[in-house]
Every structure is written in C-alpha cells, then in structure tokens.
C-alpha cells in the first residue's frame, strides 16, 4: 500500500464479510462506508446504476408521516 494511511490507529476491531463472486463487492463496500462513516475516509462510494430516489420518495414518505400523525392524535 502506497501513501500515508489516514486511518492508522483508528481501528480496534474489524468484521469479515464474504461476498461470493465479485459482482457486488464494490456495492457492499460503498454501503458499509456510508453506514460506518469512518474518520479520515475521503469518499463514501457510489453505487453503479443507482438513481437518487429522494425526489420521488420524499413526498410519499411525508404523506405517510401525515397519516401516522393523524392516527396518533386519535
């Protein structure tokens, strides 16, 4: 490994995940980086072929939040 290890000394444990084949390894790495958000990590990874669903899902989720709030008031 070349260059300075920005995360040296920051890890006190690790987990091992076995992904059969290499088709999803990059996606699993990206997902883990987004969940863990390690100090010193410069990127969080991207998902191949992914689309941002925020614009289409947020209004639906807000609608359900309104329904849930109304049910709680009853």
Protein backbone atom coordinates (compact mmCIF):
# COMPACT_ATOMS: atom_id res chain seq x y z
CA UNK A 1 0.00 0.00 0.00
CA UNK A 2 1.50 3.30 -1.01
CA UNK A 3 0.98 6.67 0.64
CA UNK A 4 0.06 7.61 4.17
CA UNK A 5 -2.55 5.54 5.99
CA UNK A 6 -5.06 8.18 7.19
CA UNK A 7 -6.87 5.64 9.37
CA UNK A 8 -3.80 4.18 11.11
CA UNK A 9 -4.53 3.63 14.78
CA UNK A 10 -8.26 4.34 14.37
CA UNK A 11 -9.38 0.71 14.22
CA UNK A 12 -9.70 -1.55 17.27
CA UNK A 13 -11.83 -4.27 15.66
CA UNK A 14 -12.94 -5.47 12.27
CA UNK A 15 -15.69 -7.55 10.71
CA UNK A 16 -15.31 -10.01 7.89
CA UNK A 17 -17.99 -10.38 5.24
CA UNK A 18 -17.74 -12.96 2.48
CA UNK A 19 -19.33 -11.96 -0.81
CA UNK A 20 -19.48 -14.77 -3.30
CA UNK A 21 -18.15 -13.66 -6.65
CA UNK A 22 -17.07 -10.11 -7.31
CA UNK A 23 -20.27 -8.70 -8.77
CA UNK A 24 -21.41 -6.91 -5.59
CA UNK A 25 -18.16 -6.31 -3.70
CA UNK A 26 -17.97 -2.62 -4.67
CA UNK A 27 -21.61 -2.05 -3.70
CA UNK A 28 -21.12 -3.73 -0.30
CA UNK A 29 -18.02 -1.60 0.34
CA UNK A 30 -19.90 1.57 -0.60
CA UNK A 31 -22.80 0.63 1.67
CA UNK A 32 -20.50 -0.07 4.62
CA UNK A 33 -18.64 3.22 4.15
CA UNK A 34 -21.94 5.11 4.14
CA UNK A 35 -23.11 3.35 7.32
CA UNK A 36 -19.88 3.48 9.33
CA UNK A 37 -18.59 6.87 8.10
CA UNK A 38 -15.00 6.28 9.30
CA UNK A 39 -12.89 9.29 10.24
CA UNK A 40 -10.40 10.08 7.52
CA UNK A 41 -12.36 8.43 4.71
CA UNK A 42 -12.36 10.81 1.77
CA UNK A 43 -15.16 9.16 -0.22
CA UNK A 44 -18.29 7.22 0.67
CA UNK A 45 -18.51 5.22 -2.54
CA UNK A 46 -21.03 5.19 -5.33
CA UNK A 47 -23.48 2.57 -6.47
CA UNK A 48 -23.29 1.55 -10.12
CA UNK A 49 -26.52 2.33 -11.94
CA UNK A 50 -28.15 3.80 -8.83
CA UNK A 51 -30.57 6.66 -9.10
CA UNK A 52 -31.41 9.27 -6.49
CA UNK A 53 -34.91 8.43 -5.27
CA UNK A 54 -35.16 11.35 -2.87
CA UNK A 55 -37.37 13.45 -5.16
CA UNK A 56 -39.84 10.65 -5.81
CA UNK A 57 -39.86 9.03 -2.34
CA UNK A 58 -39.82 12.06 -0.06
CA UNK A 59 -43.34 13.30 -0.95
CA UNK A 60 -44.71 9.78 -0.42
CA UNK A 61 -42.96 9.42 2.93
CA UNK A 62 -44.25 12.82 4.02
CA UNK A 63 -47.79 11.74 3.13
CA UNK A 64 -47.42 8.63 5.28
CA UNK A 65 -45.96 10.71 8.10
CA UNK A 66 -49.06 12.91 8.00
CA UNK A 67 -51.33 9.84 8.13
CA UNK A 68 -49.37 8.40 11.07
CA UNK A 69 -49.51 11.70 12.93
CA UNK A 70 -53.29 11.83 12.43
CA UNK A 71 -53.65 8.27 13.75
CA UNK A 72 -51.59 9.12 16.83
CA UNK A 73 -53.87 12.07 17.61
CA UNK A 74 -56.96 9.81 17.70
